[in-house]
Amino acid sequence: MIFITAKFLIRPEDADRWPEIAAAFTAATRAEPGCLWFDWSRSLDNPHEYVLVEAFRDGDAGAAHVGSAHFKQAQLDLPPHLAETPRIISQTVDQDGWSELGELAVPAS
């Protein structure tokens, strides 16, 4: 799978509304057949920063995402709300979902 983590620094006046601002893009991306997940979290340390964790089935699914109409629309709609260019890590990972974090395993009850 293609596993991506991106950090978005949002303009202070838009930070509280970011989930609403990105809602259409988020919904459309989650509906893509090759999207495994597309999840936003707000930083605990900086209320103007959101972290996006996303995964796509394979390179073809990632290319379909970047080539989609909703991605192209997001390229127009989202930057006016950003304080800087988002930072990203993108890697191909040889698995198709989450693994358990064994070091913090919860005993079966």
C-alpha atoms as a PDB file:
ATOM      1  CA  MET A   1       0.000   0.000   0.000  1.00  0.00           C
ATOM      2  CA  ILE A   2       0.955   3.651  -0.287  1.00  0.00           C
ATOM      3  CA  PHE A   3       1.050   5.072   3.266  1.00  0.00           C
ATOM      4  CA  ILE A   4       1.074   8.854   3.612  1.00  0.00           C
ATOM      5  CA  THR A   5       1.281  11.203   6.564  1.00  0.00           C
ATOM      6  CA  ALA A   6       1.016  14.935   5.948  1.00  0.00           C
ATOM      7  CA  LYS A   7       1.082  17.922   8.285  1.00  0.00           C
ATOM      8  CA  PHE A   8      -1.061  20.940   7.424  1.00  0.00           C
ATOM      9  CA  LEU A   9      -0.450  24.268   9.153  1.00  0.00           C
ATOM     10  CA  ILE A  10      -3.740  26.146   8.865  1.00  0.00           C
ATOM     11  CA  ARG A  11      -4.193  29.911   9.045  1.00  0.00           C
ATOM     12  CA  PRO A  12      -5.267  30.736  12.623  1.00  0.00           C
ATOM     13  CA  GLU A  13      -8.577  32.236  11.497  1.00  0.00           C
ATOM     14  CA  ASP A  14      -9.475  28.982   9.674  1.00  0.00           C
ATOM     15  CA  ALA A  15      -8.116  26.345  12.069  1.00  0.00           C
ATOM     16  CA  ASP A  16     -11.382  25.671  13.916  1.00  0.00           C
ATOM     17  CA  ARG A  17     -13.237  25.362  10.603  1.00  0.00           C
ATOM     18  CA  TRP A  18     -10.681  23.124   8.867  1.00  0.00           C
ATOM     19  CA  PRO A  19     -12.779  19.925   9.140  1.00  0.00           C
ATOM     20  CA  GLU A  20     -15.633  21.782   7.427  1.00  0.00           C
ATOM     21  CA  ILE A  21     -13.309  23.357   4.831  1.00  0.00           C
ATOM     22  CA  ALA A  22     -11.821  19.960   3.922  1.00  0.00           C
ATOM     23  CA  ALA A  23     -15.099  18.001   4.258  1.00  0.00           C
ATOM     24  CA  ALA A  24     -15.965  17.631   0.562  1.00  0.00           C
ATOM     25  CA  PHE A  25     -12.409  16.590  -0.332  1.00  0.00           C
ATOM     26  CA  THR A  26     -12.330  14.158   2.584  1.00  0.00           C
ATOM     27  CA  ALA A  27     -15.667  12.530   1.689  1.00  0.00           C
ATOM     28  CA  ALA A  28     -14.793  12.211  -1.987  1.00  0.00           C
ATOM     29  CA  THR A  29     -11.392  10.702  -1.205  1.00  0.00           C
ATOM     30  CA  ARG A  30     -12.849   8.202   1.258  1.00  0.00           C
ATOM     31  CA  ALA A  31     -15.286   7.109  -1.474  1.00  0.00           C
ATOM     32  CA  GLU A  32     -12.469   6.218  -3.881  1.00  0.00           C
ATOM     33  CA  PRO A  33     -12.315   2.441  -4.428  1.00  0.00           C
ATOM     34  CA  GLY A  34      -8.546   2.377  -3.756  1.00  0.00           C
ATOM     35  CA  CYS A  35      -8.630   4.475  -0.575  1.00  0.00           C
ATOM     36  CA  LEU A  36      -7.985   2.379   2.543  1.00  0.00           C
ATOM     37  CA  TRP A  37      -8.306   5.307   4.964  1.00  0.00           C
ATOM     38  CA  PHE A  38      -8.130   9.090   5.038  1.00  0.00           C
ATOM     39  CA  ASP A  39      -8.123  10.370   8.631  1.00  0.00           C
ATOM     40  CA  TRP A  40      -7.538  13.858  10.030  1.00  0.00           C
ATOM     41  CA  SER A  41      -6.312  14.594  13.564  1.00  0.00           C
ATOM     42  CA  ARG A  42      -5.662  17.919  15.230  1.00  0.00           C
ATOM     43  CA  SER A  43      -2.292  18.389  16.894  1.00  0.00           C
ATOM     44  CA  LEU A  44      -2.295  18.469  20.696  1.00  0.00           C
ATOM     45  CA  ASP A  45       0.712  20.809  20.644  1.00  0.00           C
ATOM     46  CA  ASN A  46      -0.365  23.291  17.970  1.00  0.00           C
ATOM     47  CA  PRO A  47      -4.081  24.031  17.495  1.00  0.00           C
ATOM     48  CA  HIS A  48      -3.355  25.337  13.984  1.00  0.00           C
ATOM     49  CA  GLU A  49      -1.853  22.049  12.788  1.00  0.00           C
ATOM     50  CA  TYR A  50      -3.768  19.066  11.418  1.00  0.00           C
ATOM     51  CA  VAL A  51      -2.203  15.721  10.587  1.00  0.00           C
ATOM     52  CA  LEU A  52      -3.591  13.608   7.762  1.00  0.00           C
ATOM     53  CA  VAL A  53      -2.958   9.861   7.767  1.00  0.00           C
ATOM     54  CA  GLU A  54      -3.997   8.254   4.506  1.00  0.00           C
ATOM     55  CA  ALA A  55      -3.425   5.018   2.642  1.00  0.00           C
ATOM     56  CA  PHE A  56      -4.174   3.763  -0.826  1.00  0.00           C
ATOM     57  CA  ARG A  57      -4.284   0.161  -2.003  1.00  0.00           C
ATOM     58  CA  ASP A  58      -1.363   0.577  -4.440  1.00  0.00           C
ATOM     59  CA  GLY A  59       0.376   2.992  -6.767  1.00  0.00           C
ATOM     60  CA  ASP A  60      -2.476   2.873  -9.260  1.00  0.00           C
ATOM     61  CA  ALA A  61      -4.956   3.880  -6.552  1.00  0.00           C
ATOM     62  CA  GLY A  62      -2.637   6.689  -5.461  1.00  0.00           C
ATOM     63  CA  ALA A  63      -2.348   7.914  -9.049  1.00  0.00           C
ATOM     64  CA  ALA A  64      -6.136   7.780  -9.451  1.00  0.00           C
ATOM     65  CA  HIS A  65      -6.459   9.900  -6.306  1.00  0.00           C
ATOM     66  CA  VAL A  66      -4.030  12.562  -7.541  1.00  0.00           C
ATOM     67  CA  GLY A  67      -5.728  12.540 -10.952  1.00  0.00           C
ATOM     68  CA  SER A  68      -9.254  12.850  -9.592  1.00  0.00           C
ATOM     69  CA  ALA A  69     -11.493  15.875 -10.109  1.00  0.00           C
ATOM     70  CA  HIS A  70     -11.872  16.326  -6.342  1.00  0.00           C
ATOM     71  CA  PHE A  71      -8.078  16.399  -5.889  1.00  0.00           C
ATOM     72  CA  LYS A  72      -7.773  19.050  -8.578  1.00  0.00           C
ATOM     73  CA  GLN A  73     -10.550  21.029  -6.885  1.00  0.00           C
ATOM     74  CA  ALA A  74      -8.797  20.725  -3.515  1.00  0.00           C
ATOM     75  CA  GLN A  75      -5.660  22.171  -5.120  1.00  0.00           C
ATOM     76  CA  LEU A  76      -7.731  25.317  -5.734  1.00  0.00           C
ATOM     77  CA  ASP A  77      -9.863  25.349  -2.575  1.00  0.00           C
ATOM     78  CA  LEU A  78      -7.456  24.419   0.238  1.00  0.00           C
ATOM     79  CA  PRO A  79      -4.282  26.538  -0.228  1.00  0.00           C
ATOM     80  CA  PRO A  80      -5.955  29.870   0.676  1.00  0.00           C
ATOM     81  CA  HIS A  81      -6.543  28.412   4.166  1.00  0.00           C
ATOM     82  CA  LEU A  82      -2.956  27.187   4.651  1.00  0.00           C
ATOM     83  CA  ALA A  83      -0.225  29.089   6.484  1.00  0.00           C
ATOM     84  CA  GLU A  84       2.512  27.110   4.672  1.00  0.00           C
ATOM     85  CA  THR A  85       2.963  24.302   2.179  1.00  0.00           C
ATOM     86  CA  PRO A  86       2.030  20.983   3.829  1.00  0.00           C
ATOM     87  CA  ARG A  87       4.853  18.601   4.741  1.00  0.00           C
ATOM     88  CA  ILE A  88       4.519  14.956   3.715  1.00  0.00           C
ATOM     89  CA  ILE A  89       6.007  11.503   4.136  1.00  0.00           C
ATOM     90  CA  SER A  90       4.923   8.977   1.512  1.00  0.00           C
ATOM     91  CA  GLN A  91       6.123   5.376   1.502  1.00  0.00           C
ATOM     92  CA  THR A  92       5.193   2.122  -0.148  1.00  0.00           C
ATOM     93  CA  VAL A  93       4.584  -0.407   2.619  1.00  0.00           C
ATOM     94  CA  ASP A  94       4.374  -4.172   2.139  1.00  0.00           C
ATOM     95  CA  GLN A  95       1.094  -4.723   3.981  1.00  0.00           C
ATOM     96  CA  ASP A  96      -2.553  -3.865   3.493  1.00  0.00           C
ATOM     97  CA  GLY A  97      -3.694  -2.624   6.904  1.00  0.00           C
ATOM     98  CA  TRP A  98      -2.740  -1.808  10.456  1.00  0.00           C
ATOM     99  CA  SER A  99      -0.664  -4.150  12.617  1.00  0.00           C
ATOM    100  CA  GLU A 100      -1.023  -4.409  16.383  1.00  0.00           C
ATOM    101  CA  LEU A 101       1.432  -2.519  18.588  1.00  0.00           C
ATOM    102  CA  GLY A 102       2.604  -5.530  20.570  1.00  0.00           C
ATOM    103  CA  GLU A 103       4.566  -3.487  23.117  1.00  0.00           C
ATOM    104  CA  LEU A 104       1.269  -2.027  24.372  1.00  0.00           C
ATOM    105  CA  ALA A 105      -0.863  -5.148  23.972  1.00  0.00           C
ATOM    106  CA  VAL A 106      -4.124  -5.206  25.881  1.00  0.00           C
ATOM    107  CA  PRO A 107      -4.674  -8.603  27.525  1.00  0.00           C
ATOM    108  CA  ALA A 108      -7.740 -10.526  26.410  1.00  0.00           C
ATOM    109  CA  SER A 109     -10.465 -10.524  29.016  1.00  0.00           C
END
